[in-house]
N, C-alpha and C. Protein backbone atom coordinates (compact mmCIF):
# COMPACT_ATOMS: atom_id res chain seq x y z
N MET A 1 175.52 220.44 72.59
CA MET A 1 174.70 221.64 72.79
C MET A 1 173.70 221.40 73.91
N SER A 2 173.50 222.41 74.73
CA SER A 2 172.61 222.26 75.87
C SER A 2 172.06 223.62 76.26
N ALA A 3 171.14 223.61 77.21
CA ALA A 3 170.57 224.85 77.74
C ALA A 3 170.21 224.63 79.20
N LEU A 4 170.26 225.70 79.97
CA LEU A 4 170.00 225.61 81.41
C LEU A 4 169.01 226.69 81.82
N PHE A 5 168.03 226.31 82.62
CA PHE A 5 167.11 227.27 83.22
C PHE A 5 167.11 227.05 84.72
N ASN A 6 167.23 228.14 85.48
CA ASN A 6 167.32 228.04 86.93
C ASN A 6 166.44 229.11 87.57
N PHE A 7 165.75 228.73 88.63
CA PHE A 7 164.92 229.66 89.40
C PHE A 7 165.22 229.47 90.88
N LYS A 8 165.46 230.57 91.59
CA LYS A 8 165.73 230.52 93.03
C LYS A 8 164.95 231.62 93.74
N SER A 9 164.37 231.27 94.88
CA SER A 9 163.72 232.24 95.76
C SER A 9 163.71 231.66 97.16
N GLN A 10 162.80 232.13 98.00
CA GLN A 10 162.68 231.63 99.36
C GLN A 10 161.22 231.60 99.75
N PHE A 11 160.88 230.77 100.76
CA PHE A 11 159.49 230.61 101.17
C PHE A 11 159.11 231.52 102.33
N THR A 12 160.06 231.81 103.22
CA THR A 12 159.75 232.59 104.42
C THR A 12 160.51 233.90 104.43
N LYS A 13 160.16 234.77 105.36
CA LYS A 13 160.79 236.08 105.45
C LYS A 13 162.19 235.98 106.06
N GLY A 14 163.06 236.93 105.66
CA GLY A 14 164.38 237.04 106.25
C GLY A 14 164.45 238.28 107.11
N TYR A 15 165.31 238.26 108.16
CA TYR A 15 165.37 239.36 109.11
C TYR A 15 166.81 239.75 109.41
N ASP A 16 166.96 240.99 109.85
CA ASP A 16 168.23 241.48 110.38
C ASP A 16 168.07 241.51 111.90
N TYR A 17 168.62 240.50 112.57
CA TYR A 17 168.40 240.36 114.00
C TYR A 17 169.20 241.36 114.84
N SER A 18 170.02 242.18 114.20
CA SER A 18 170.80 243.17 114.96
C SER A 18 169.99 244.42 115.30
N ILE A 19 168.81 244.59 114.69
CA ILE A 19 167.99 245.76 114.99
C ILE A 19 166.91 245.39 116.00
N ASP A 20 166.39 246.40 116.72
CA ASP A 20 165.44 246.15 117.81
C ASP A 20 164.10 245.63 117.30
N ASN A 21 163.55 246.25 116.29
CA ASN A 21 162.22 245.86 115.79
C ASN A 21 162.34 244.95 114.58
N TRP A 22 163.18 243.91 114.69
CA TRP A 22 163.46 243.07 113.53
C TRP A 22 162.23 242.31 113.03
N ARG A 23 161.29 242.01 113.92
CA ARG A 23 160.08 241.29 113.49
C ARG A 23 159.22 242.13 112.55
N ASN A 24 159.25 243.45 112.72
CA ASN A 24 158.41 244.34 111.90
C ASN A 24 159.14 244.87 110.67
N THR A 25 160.41 244.50 110.52
CA THR A 25 161.18 245.01 109.39
C THR A 25 161.90 243.87 108.68
N PRO A 26 161.19 243.01 107.96
CA PRO A 26 161.85 241.93 107.24
C PRO A 26 162.74 242.47 106.12
N THR A 27 163.81 241.79 105.85
CA THR A 27 164.75 242.21 104.80
C THR A 27 164.51 241.49 103.48
N SER A 28 163.71 240.42 103.49
CA SER A 28 163.41 239.68 102.27
C SER A 28 162.14 238.87 102.50
N ASN A 29 161.59 238.34 101.41
CA ASN A 29 160.33 237.60 101.51
C ASN A 29 160.23 236.68 100.30
N PHE A 30 159.13 235.91 100.21
CA PHE A 30 158.91 235.06 99.05
C PHE A 30 158.86 235.89 97.77
N PHE A 31 159.63 235.50 96.79
CA PHE A 31 159.73 236.19 95.50
C PHE A 31 160.41 237.56 95.63
N SER A 32 161.04 237.83 96.75
CA SER A 32 161.78 239.08 96.94
C SER A 32 163.03 238.78 97.78
N PRO A 33 164.13 238.36 97.18
CA PRO A 33 164.34 238.36 95.73
C PRO A 33 163.93 237.05 95.07
N ALA A 34 163.77 237.10 93.74
CA ALA A 34 163.57 235.93 92.90
C ALA A 34 164.57 236.02 91.74
N TYR A 35 165.31 234.93 91.52
CA TYR A 35 166.35 234.92 90.49
C TYR A 35 165.97 233.96 89.37
N PHE A 36 166.02 234.44 88.13
CA PHE A 36 165.78 233.61 86.96
C PHE A 36 167.03 233.63 86.08
N THR A 37 167.50 232.47 85.66
CA THR A 37 168.66 232.38 84.78
C THR A 37 168.33 231.49 83.59
N LEU A 38 168.61 231.97 82.39
CA LEU A 38 168.43 231.20 81.16
C LEU A 38 169.75 231.25 80.39
N ALA A 39 170.34 230.07 80.13
CA ALA A 39 171.69 230.04 79.56
C ALA A 39 171.82 228.92 78.53
N PRO A 40 171.79 229.26 77.23
CA PRO A 40 172.14 228.26 76.21
C PRO A 40 173.65 228.14 76.12
N GLY A 41 174.15 226.91 75.92
CA GLY A 41 175.60 226.75 75.87
C GLY A 41 176.03 225.34 75.52
N PHE A 42 177.16 224.93 76.08
CA PHE A 42 177.77 223.64 75.76
C PHE A 42 178.04 222.88 77.05
N GLU A 43 177.81 221.57 77.01
CA GLU A 43 178.03 220.74 78.20
C GLU A 43 178.89 219.54 77.86
N TYR A 44 179.83 219.25 78.78
CA TYR A 44 180.67 218.06 78.66
C TYR A 44 180.39 217.16 79.86
N ARG A 45 180.15 215.90 79.59
CA ARG A 45 179.88 214.93 80.65
C ARG A 45 180.83 213.75 80.54
N LYS A 46 181.27 213.25 81.68
CA LYS A 46 182.06 212.04 81.76
C LYS A 46 181.41 211.12 82.77
N GLY A 47 180.55 210.23 82.27
CA GLY A 47 179.80 209.35 83.14
C GLY A 47 178.90 210.15 84.07
N ASN A 48 178.75 209.66 85.28
CA ASN A 48 177.97 210.36 86.29
C ASN A 48 178.84 211.13 87.28
N ASN A 49 180.15 211.20 87.00
CA ASN A 49 181.08 211.81 87.95
C ASN A 49 181.39 213.27 87.64
N LEU A 50 181.42 213.63 86.37
CA LEU A 50 181.87 214.97 85.99
C LEU A 50 180.93 215.61 84.99
N SER A 51 180.60 216.88 85.23
CA SER A 51 179.75 217.64 84.31
C SER A 51 180.28 219.08 84.27
N ILE A 52 180.53 219.59 83.05
CA ILE A 52 181.01 220.96 82.87
C ILE A 52 180.10 221.66 81.86
N PHE A 53 179.56 222.79 82.26
CA PHE A 53 178.66 223.55 81.39
C PHE A 53 179.18 224.98 81.24
N LEU A 54 179.16 225.48 80.01
CA LEU A 54 179.62 226.84 79.72
C LEU A 54 178.66 227.52 78.77
N SER A 55 178.25 228.74 79.15
CA SER A 55 177.38 229.55 78.31
C SER A 55 177.97 230.95 78.19
N PRO A 56 178.34 231.38 76.98
CA PRO A 56 178.87 232.74 76.80
C PRO A 56 177.78 233.79 76.70
N LEU A 57 176.50 233.35 76.60
CA LEU A 57 175.38 234.28 76.46
C LEU A 57 174.27 233.87 77.42
N ALA A 58 174.41 234.29 78.66
CA ALA A 58 173.46 233.90 79.71
C ALA A 58 172.74 235.12 80.24
N GLY A 59 171.42 235.03 80.29
CA GLY A 59 170.60 236.12 80.83
C GLY A 59 170.14 235.82 82.24
N ARG A 60 170.11 236.84 83.08
CA ARG A 60 169.66 236.67 84.47
C ARG A 60 168.75 237.83 84.85
N LEU A 61 167.61 237.50 85.47
CA LEU A 61 166.64 238.50 85.88
C LEU A 61 166.42 238.39 87.38
N THR A 62 166.52 239.52 88.10
CA THR A 62 166.29 239.57 89.54
C THR A 62 165.07 240.43 89.82
N LEU A 63 164.11 239.89 90.58
CA LEU A 63 162.90 240.62 90.95
C LEU A 63 162.88 240.85 92.46
N VAL A 64 162.57 242.07 92.88
CA VAL A 64 162.51 242.43 94.30
C VAL A 64 161.39 243.46 94.49
N ASP A 65 160.64 243.33 95.58
CA ASP A 65 159.63 244.32 95.91
C ASP A 65 160.30 245.66 96.24
N THR A 66 159.71 246.75 95.80
CA THR A 66 160.29 248.08 96.04
C THR A 66 160.32 248.44 97.53
N VAL A 67 159.59 247.69 98.37
CA VAL A 67 159.66 247.91 99.81
C VAL A 67 161.09 247.75 100.30
N TYR A 68 161.83 246.83 99.69
CA TYR A 68 163.21 246.56 100.11
C TYR A 68 164.22 247.44 99.39
N THR A 69 163.99 247.74 98.13
CA THR A 69 164.96 248.56 97.39
C THR A 69 164.90 250.02 97.80
N ASN A 70 163.79 250.47 98.42
CA ASN A 70 163.68 251.87 98.85
C ASN A 70 164.35 252.15 100.19
N ARG A 71 164.85 251.13 100.85
CA ARG A 71 165.41 251.31 102.20
C ARG A 71 166.85 251.80 102.18
N SER A 72 167.55 251.63 101.07
CA SER A 72 168.96 252.01 101.02
C SER A 72 169.28 252.64 99.67
N PRO A 73 170.19 253.63 99.63
CA PRO A 73 170.60 254.21 98.36
C PRO A 73 171.22 253.18 97.42
N GLN A 74 171.73 252.07 97.99
CA GLN A 74 172.32 251.02 97.17
C GLN A 74 171.27 250.08 96.59
N GLY A 75 170.00 250.23 97.00
CA GLY A 75 168.98 249.29 96.56
C GLY A 75 169.07 248.02 97.37
N ALA A 76 168.68 246.91 96.78
CA ALA A 76 168.73 245.63 97.48
C ALA A 76 168.92 244.50 96.47
N PHE A 77 169.81 243.55 96.81
CA PHE A 77 170.05 242.36 96.00
C PHE A 77 170.44 242.69 94.56
N GLY A 78 171.16 243.80 94.39
CA GLY A 78 171.62 244.19 93.07
C GLY A 78 170.62 245.02 92.29
N VAL A 79 169.38 245.15 92.77
CA VAL A 79 168.36 245.95 92.11
C VAL A 79 168.50 247.39 92.59
N PRO A 80 168.57 248.37 91.68
CA PRO A 80 168.79 249.78 92.08
C PRO A 80 167.67 250.32 92.95
N TYR A 81 167.98 251.42 93.62
CA TYR A 81 167.02 252.11 94.50
C TYR A 81 165.75 252.47 93.74
N GLY A 82 164.59 252.13 94.32
CA GLY A 82 163.31 252.47 93.73
C GLY A 82 162.86 251.58 92.59
N LYS A 83 163.68 250.61 92.18
CA LYS A 83 163.33 249.70 91.08
C LYS A 83 162.89 248.36 91.64
N ASN A 84 162.24 247.56 90.79
CA ASN A 84 161.81 246.24 91.25
C ASN A 84 162.41 245.10 90.42
N LYS A 85 163.29 245.42 89.48
CA LYS A 85 163.92 244.35 88.69
C LYS A 85 165.27 244.81 88.16
N ARG A 86 166.11 243.83 87.87
CA ARG A 86 167.42 244.08 87.28
C ARG A 86 167.73 242.97 86.29
N PHE A 87 168.12 243.34 85.09
CA PHE A 87 168.48 242.36 84.06
C PHE A 87 169.99 242.34 83.87
N GLU A 88 170.55 241.15 83.82
CA GLU A 88 171.98 240.98 83.59
C GLU A 88 172.19 240.09 82.36
N PHE A 89 173.26 240.34 81.66
CA PHE A 89 173.59 239.56 80.47
C PHE A 89 175.09 239.29 80.49
N GLY A 90 175.46 238.00 80.54
CA GLY A 90 176.88 237.71 80.68
C GLY A 90 177.23 236.27 80.38
N ALA A 91 178.28 235.77 81.02
CA ALA A 91 178.78 234.41 80.82
C ALA A 91 178.54 233.60 82.08
N TYR A 92 178.17 232.33 81.89
CA TYR A 92 177.85 231.44 83.01
C TYR A 92 178.64 230.14 82.88
N PHE A 93 179.26 229.72 83.99
CA PHE A 93 180.03 228.48 84.03
C PHE A 93 179.59 227.66 85.22
N SER A 94 179.37 226.35 85.00
CA SER A 94 178.96 225.48 86.09
C SER A 94 179.67 224.14 85.95
N ALA A 95 180.30 223.69 87.03
CA ALA A 95 181.00 222.40 87.03
C ALA A 95 180.57 221.60 88.25
N ARG A 96 180.34 220.30 88.06
CA ARG A 96 179.95 219.42 89.15
C ARG A 96 180.81 218.15 89.09
N TYR A 97 181.18 217.67 90.28
CA TYR A 97 182.05 216.50 90.35
C TYR A 97 181.65 215.65 91.54
N TYR A 98 181.64 214.33 91.32
CA TYR A 98 181.30 213.38 92.36
C TYR A 98 182.31 212.23 92.35
N VAL A 99 182.78 211.84 93.52
CA VAL A 99 183.75 210.75 93.61
C VAL A 99 183.48 209.94 94.86
N GLU A 100 183.62 208.63 94.74
CA GLU A 100 183.53 207.74 95.89
C GLU A 100 184.94 207.49 96.40
N ILE A 101 185.29 208.10 97.51
CA ILE A 101 186.63 207.97 98.07
C ILE A 101 186.86 206.56 98.59
N SER A 102 185.84 206.00 99.18
CA SER A 102 185.88 204.61 99.63
C SER A 102 184.45 204.07 99.59
N LYS A 103 184.26 202.85 100.10
CA LYS A 103 182.93 202.28 100.10
C LYS A 103 181.98 203.02 101.04
N THR A 104 182.55 203.76 101.97
CA THR A 104 181.71 204.43 102.97
C THR A 104 181.80 205.96 102.93
N VAL A 105 182.70 206.51 102.09
CA VAL A 105 182.91 207.96 102.05
C VAL A 105 182.81 208.44 100.60
N SER A 106 182.05 209.50 100.38
CA SER A 106 181.93 210.10 99.05
C SER A 106 182.01 211.61 99.17
N PHE A 107 182.37 212.25 98.06
CA PHE A 107 182.51 213.71 98.03
C PHE A 107 181.81 214.25 96.80
N ARG A 108 181.04 215.32 97.00
CA ARG A 108 180.31 215.97 95.91
C ARG A 108 180.58 217.47 95.96
N THR A 109 180.92 218.07 94.82
CA THR A 109 181.22 219.49 94.79
C THR A 109 180.59 220.14 93.56
N ARG A 110 180.33 221.44 93.69
CA ARG A 110 179.73 222.21 92.60
C ARG A 110 180.32 223.61 92.62
N LEU A 111 180.67 224.12 91.45
CA LEU A 111 181.21 225.47 91.32
C LEU A 111 180.46 226.21 90.22
N ASP A 112 179.84 227.35 90.57
CA ASP A 112 179.13 228.20 89.61
C ASP A 112 179.79 229.57 89.56
N LEU A 113 180.03 230.07 88.35
CA LEU A 113 180.62 231.40 88.15
C LEU A 113 179.75 232.17 87.17
N TYR A 114 179.55 233.47 87.44
CA TYR A 114 178.76 234.31 86.53
C TYR A 114 179.40 235.69 86.44
N SER A 115 179.59 236.15 85.20
CA SER A 115 180.13 237.49 84.95
C SER A 115 179.10 238.28 84.15
N ASN A 116 178.76 239.45 84.65
CA ASN A 116 177.76 240.30 84.01
C ASN A 116 178.45 241.30 83.08
N TYR A 117 178.24 241.15 81.77
CA TYR A 117 178.85 242.07 80.80
C TYR A 117 178.37 243.50 81.00
N LEU A 118 177.17 243.68 81.55
CA LEU A 118 176.56 245.00 81.67
C LEU A 118 176.87 245.68 83.00
N ALA A 119 177.68 245.05 83.84
CA ALA A 119 177.95 245.59 85.17
C ALA A 119 178.68 246.93 85.10
N LYS A 120 178.26 247.86 85.92
CA LYS A 120 178.90 249.17 86.02
C LYS A 120 178.60 249.76 87.39
N ASP A 121 179.34 250.80 87.76
CA ASP A 121 179.16 251.43 89.07
C ASP A 121 177.74 251.96 89.22
N VAL A 122 177.20 251.82 90.43
CA VAL A 122 175.86 252.32 90.74
C VAL A 122 175.99 253.71 91.33
N LEU A 123 175.25 254.68 90.74
CA LEU A 123 175.29 256.07 91.19
C LEU A 123 173.97 256.47 91.82
N ASN A 124 174.02 257.38 92.77
CA ASN A 124 172.78 257.93 93.32
C ASN A 124 172.34 259.14 92.50
N ASP A 125 171.29 259.84 92.92
CA ASP A 125 170.77 260.97 92.16
C ASP A 125 171.77 262.12 92.06
N SER A 126 172.73 262.15 93.00
CA SER A 126 173.75 263.22 92.98
C SER A 126 174.99 262.84 92.18
N GLY A 127 174.98 261.65 91.60
CA GLY A 127 176.12 261.22 90.81
C GLY A 127 177.25 260.61 91.61
N VAL A 128 176.98 260.31 92.89
CA VAL A 128 178.01 259.72 93.75
C VAL A 128 177.92 258.20 93.67
N VAL A 129 179.08 257.54 93.58
CA VAL A 129 179.13 256.09 93.49
C VAL A 129 178.75 255.47 94.84
N VAL A 130 177.68 254.68 94.85
CA VAL A 130 177.25 254.02 96.08
C VAL A 130 177.65 252.55 96.09
N ARG A 131 177.96 251.98 94.93
CA ARG A 131 178.46 250.61 94.86
C ARG A 131 179.27 250.42 93.59
N LYS A 132 180.51 249.97 93.74
CA LYS A 132 181.37 249.74 92.59
C LYS A 132 181.09 248.37 91.99
N ASP A 133 181.11 248.28 90.67
CA ASP A 133 180.86 247.01 90.00
C ASP A 133 181.44 247.07 88.60
N ASN A 134 181.83 245.90 88.08
CA ASN A 134 182.34 245.78 86.71
C ASN A 134 182.26 244.32 86.30
N PRO A 135 182.41 243.99 85.01
CA PRO A 135 182.29 242.60 84.56
C PRO A 135 183.29 241.65 85.22
N GLY A 136 184.41 242.19 85.71
CA GLY A 136 185.38 241.34 86.39
C GLY A 136 184.99 240.94 87.79
N ASN A 137 183.90 241.52 88.32
CA ASN A 137 183.42 241.18 89.65
C ASN A 137 182.53 239.95 89.53
N ILE A 138 183.13 238.77 89.55
CA ILE A 138 182.44 237.53 89.25
C ILE A 138 181.68 237.02 90.46
N THR A 139 180.44 236.60 90.24
CA THR A 139 179.65 235.95 91.28
C THR A 139 180.07 234.50 91.41
N VAL A 140 180.33 234.05 92.63
CA VAL A 140 180.87 232.70 92.86
C VAL A 140 179.97 231.94 93.82
N LEU A 141 179.68 230.68 93.46
CA LEU A 141 178.98 229.75 94.36
C LEU A 141 179.78 228.46 94.41
N SER A 142 180.19 228.05 95.60
CA SER A 142 180.93 226.81 95.80
C SER A 142 180.21 225.97 96.84
N ASP A 143 179.76 224.78 96.44
CA ASP A 143 178.99 223.89 97.31
C ASP A 143 179.75 222.57 97.45
N ASN A 144 180.14 222.23 98.67
CA ASN A 144 180.96 221.04 98.91
C ASN A 144 180.33 220.18 99.99
N LEU A 145 180.25 218.85 99.75
CA LEU A 145 179.57 217.97 100.67
C LEU A 145 180.30 216.63 100.78
N PHE A 146 180.66 216.25 102.00
CA PHE A 146 181.21 214.93 102.31
C PHE A 146 180.11 214.08 102.93
N SER A 147 179.98 212.85 102.45
CA SER A 147 178.97 211.93 102.98
C SER A 147 179.66 210.69 103.56
N PHE A 148 179.23 210.29 104.74
CA PHE A 148 179.81 209.13 105.43
C PHE A 148 178.70 208.13 105.73
N LYS A 149 178.95 206.87 105.43
CA LYS A 149 177.99 205.81 105.69
C LYS A 149 178.58 204.90 106.76
N PHE A 150 178.00 204.95 107.97
CA PHE A 150 178.54 204.19 109.09
C PHE A 150 178.08 202.74 109.08
N SER A 151 176.86 202.53 108.64
CA SER A 151 176.32 201.17 108.61
C SER A 151 175.24 201.11 107.54
N LYS A 152 174.51 200.03 107.55
CA LYS A 152 173.45 199.83 106.57
C LYS A 152 172.33 200.84 106.73
N HIS A 153 172.19 201.38 107.95
CA HIS A 153 171.05 202.25 108.23
C HIS A 153 171.44 203.67 108.64
N LEU A 154 172.69 203.91 109.02
CA LEU A 154 173.10 205.21 109.55
C LEU A 154 174.08 205.90 108.60
N SER A 155 173.89 207.23 108.40
CA SER A 155 174.78 208.01 107.55
C SER A 155 174.89 209.43 108.09
N MET A 156 175.92 210.15 107.64
CA MET A 156 176.13 211.53 108.06
C MET A 156 176.73 212.32 106.90
N SER A 157 176.37 213.61 106.80
CA SER A 157 176.90 214.48 105.76
C SER A 157 177.41 215.77 106.39
N VAL A 158 178.55 216.24 105.93
CA VAL A 158 179.14 217.49 106.39
C VAL A 158 179.44 218.33 105.16
N GLY A 159 178.96 219.58 105.14
CA GLY A 159 179.14 220.41 103.95
C GLY A 159 179.38 221.87 104.27
N VAL A 160 179.96 222.56 103.29
CA VAL A 160 180.21 224.00 103.38
C VAL A 160 179.80 224.64 102.06
N VAL A 161 179.00 225.69 102.13
CA VAL A 161 178.59 226.46 100.96
C VAL A 161 179.18 227.86 101.08
N MET A 162 179.88 228.30 100.03
CA MET A 162 180.47 229.64 100.00
C MET A 162 179.89 230.43 98.83
N VAL A 163 179.46 231.66 99.11
CA VAL A 163 178.87 232.52 98.10
C VAL A 163 179.55 233.88 98.14
N TYR A 164 179.97 234.36 96.98
CA TYR A 164 180.49 235.73 96.88
C TYR A 164 179.69 236.44 95.80
N ASP A 165 179.01 237.51 96.19
CA ASP A 165 178.19 238.27 95.25
C ASP A 165 178.25 239.74 95.64
N ASN A 166 178.86 240.54 94.81
CA ASN A 166 179.01 241.97 95.08
C ASN A 166 177.67 242.69 95.16
N ALA A 167 176.62 242.08 94.56
CA ALA A 167 175.30 242.72 94.55
C ALA A 167 174.54 242.53 95.85
N GLN A 168 175.00 241.62 96.72
CA GLN A 168 174.29 241.38 97.96
C GLN A 168 174.53 242.51 98.96
N PRO A 169 173.54 242.85 99.78
CA PRO A 169 173.72 243.92 100.76
C PRO A 169 174.76 243.53 101.79
N TYR A 170 175.58 244.50 102.20
CA TYR A 170 176.63 244.22 103.17
C TYR A 170 176.94 245.48 103.96
N LYS A 171 177.10 245.34 105.28
CA LYS A 171 177.50 246.44 106.14
C LYS A 171 178.83 246.11 106.77
N ASP A 172 179.79 247.05 106.70
CA ASP A 172 181.11 246.80 107.26
C ASP A 172 181.24 247.29 108.69
N THR A 173 180.12 247.67 109.32
CA THR A 173 180.12 248.09 110.72
C THR A 173 179.01 247.37 111.48
N TYR A 174 179.10 247.36 112.79
CA TYR A 174 178.06 246.79 113.64
C TYR A 174 178.04 247.54 114.96
N VAL A 175 176.94 247.39 115.70
CA VAL A 175 176.78 248.06 116.99
C VAL A 175 177.00 247.03 118.09
N ASP A 176 177.97 247.29 118.99
CA ASP A 176 178.27 246.34 120.05
C ASP A 176 177.29 246.50 121.22
N ALA A 177 177.52 245.74 122.31
CA ALA A 177 176.60 245.74 123.45
C ALA A 177 176.51 247.09 124.15
N SER A 178 177.56 247.90 124.04
CA SER A 178 177.56 249.21 124.69
C SER A 178 176.92 250.29 123.82
N GLY A 179 176.53 249.93 122.58
CA GLY A 179 175.93 250.89 121.68
C GLY A 179 176.91 251.62 120.79
N ALA A 180 178.19 251.26 120.87
CA ALA A 180 179.21 251.90 120.03
C ALA A 180 179.29 251.22 118.68
N VAL A 181 179.57 252.00 117.65
CA VAL A 181 179.71 251.48 116.30
C VAL A 181 181.14 250.95 116.10
N GLN A 182 181.25 249.68 115.71
CA GLN A 182 182.54 249.04 115.54
C GLN A 182 182.73 248.61 114.08
N LYS A 183 183.97 248.57 113.66
CA LYS A 183 184.31 248.13 112.31
C LYS A 183 184.49 246.62 112.29
N LYS A 184 183.87 245.94 111.32
CA LYS A 184 184.03 244.50 111.21
C LYS A 184 185.44 244.15 110.74
N LYS A 185 185.99 243.09 111.29
CA LYS A 185 187.32 242.62 110.90
C LYS A 185 187.16 241.44 109.94
N GLU A 186 187.40 241.70 108.66
CA GLU A 186 187.29 240.65 107.66
C GLU A 186 188.59 239.86 107.60
N PRO A 187 188.51 238.52 107.47
CA PRO A 187 189.74 237.71 107.39
C PRO A 187 190.59 238.04 106.18
N ILE A 188 189.94 238.41 105.08
CA ILE A 188 190.65 238.79 103.85
C ILE A 188 190.08 240.11 103.38
N SER A 189 190.91 241.11 103.23
CA SER A 189 190.45 242.44 102.82
C SER A 189 189.76 242.38 101.47
N GLY A 190 188.60 243.04 101.36
CA GLY A 190 187.88 243.11 100.09
C GLY A 190 186.87 242.00 99.88
N LEU A 191 186.77 241.05 100.84
CA LEU A 191 185.82 239.96 100.69
C LEU A 191 184.65 240.12 101.67
N GLY A 192 184.18 241.34 101.80
CA GLY A 192 183.08 241.60 102.72
C GLY A 192 181.79 240.93 102.32
N TRP A 193 181.63 240.59 101.06
CA TRP A 193 180.40 239.96 100.58
C TRP A 193 180.48 238.44 100.63
N LEU A 194 181.54 237.87 101.16
CA LEU A 194 181.68 236.42 101.25
C LEU A 194 180.74 235.87 102.32
N GLN A 195 179.88 234.93 101.92
CA GLN A 195 178.93 234.32 102.84
C GLN A 195 179.26 232.84 102.98
N LEU A 196 179.12 232.32 104.20
CA LEU A 196 179.42 230.92 104.48
C LEU A 196 178.21 230.27 105.14
N ARG A 197 177.96 229.01 104.75
CA ARG A 197 176.92 228.22 105.40
C ARG A 197 177.45 226.81 105.63
N GLN A 198 177.33 226.34 106.85
CA GLN A 198 177.82 225.01 107.21
C GLN A 198 176.64 224.08 107.43
N ASN A 199 176.77 222.84 106.95
CA ASN A 199 175.69 221.86 107.07
C ASN A 199 176.20 220.62 107.80
N LEU A 200 175.39 220.11 108.71
CA LEU A 200 175.66 218.86 109.39
C LEU A 200 174.35 218.07 109.44
N GLN A 201 174.33 216.92 108.78
CA GLN A 201 173.10 216.15 108.65
C GLN A 201 173.34 214.70 109.08
N PHE A 202 172.33 214.13 109.76
CA PHE A 202 172.34 212.72 110.12
C PHE A 202 171.14 212.06 109.47
N GLY A 203 171.33 210.86 108.94
CA GLY A 203 170.25 210.18 108.24
C GLY A 203 170.08 208.74 108.69
N ILE A 204 168.83 208.29 108.63
CA ILE A 204 168.49 206.90 108.92
C ILE A 204 167.78 206.32 107.71
N GLN A 205 168.25 205.19 107.23
CA GLN A 205 167.69 204.57 106.03
C GLN A 205 167.24 203.15 106.34
N TYR A 206 166.04 202.84 105.88
CA TYR A 206 165.51 201.48 106.09
C TYR A 206 164.78 201.06 104.82
N LYS A 207 165.11 199.90 104.30
CA LYS A 207 164.48 199.38 103.10
C LYS A 207 163.49 198.28 103.48
N LEU A 208 162.27 198.41 102.95
CA LEU A 208 161.27 197.38 103.19
C LEU A 208 161.62 196.12 102.42
N PRO A 209 161.41 194.96 103.00
CA PRO A 209 161.72 193.70 102.28
C PRO A 209 160.83 193.55 101.06
N ALA A 210 161.40 193.00 99.98
CA ALA A 210 160.65 192.82 98.74
C ALA A 210 159.55 191.81 98.95
N ARG A 211 158.38 192.07 98.36
CA ARG A 211 157.25 191.18 98.49
C ARG A 211 157.33 190.08 97.46
N ASP A 212 156.94 188.89 97.85
CA ASP A 212 156.94 187.74 96.93
C ASP A 212 155.81 187.92 95.93
N LYS A 213 156.15 187.89 94.65
CA LYS A 213 155.13 188.10 93.61
C LYS A 213 154.14 186.92 93.54
N GLU A 214 154.60 185.74 93.92
CA GLU A 214 153.72 184.58 93.84
C GLU A 214 152.91 184.45 95.13
N ALA A 215 151.63 184.34 94.97
CA ALA A 215 150.75 184.19 96.13
C ALA A 215 150.99 182.84 96.77
N LYS A 216 151.01 182.83 98.07
CA LYS A 216 151.23 181.58 98.80
C LYS A 216 149.93 181.14 99.44
């Protein structure tokens, strides 16, 4: 038996750099959004390499300033138009795995899945569907990291983070250099909310020599 509590937010403002006055129109800020997850459940561990957690009754709370939810009929970050919070109740799954491929190469991965039992289509004041949603629309987080150790002091890490969340804001069009509105070409139809982040890190490590406990 186990329980999990998670909190996520950001420290600085986020912007949409495709608009002219992007500095005066931030799209997010500290605590907007803020995600809270509380999930009692069951965990299986196998040493330090494998961890699997499952909660059939997981609550999630999203907080957003109404400054952002009032900008679009769809709201922002899953919070409806004109509201500042959204509560979700569903199932949460989290798996983590670590393996040393060799003495100098290791791999670490994490997979999080969340299904909201309360998910349903979002309607505007006229009853028109502005965003489709259902419990089968699972939120996915996949975090993968390869670490390489070149020597005693030098190391490098290469990683890819993939996020799919139907509640995140997404536009399927953009304005090109000539001012014309163009349709975005998605590699896989229906995955417009798929977000990718690539990481490349270099590290330097130095250990101080141990001090002799006996005074000389």
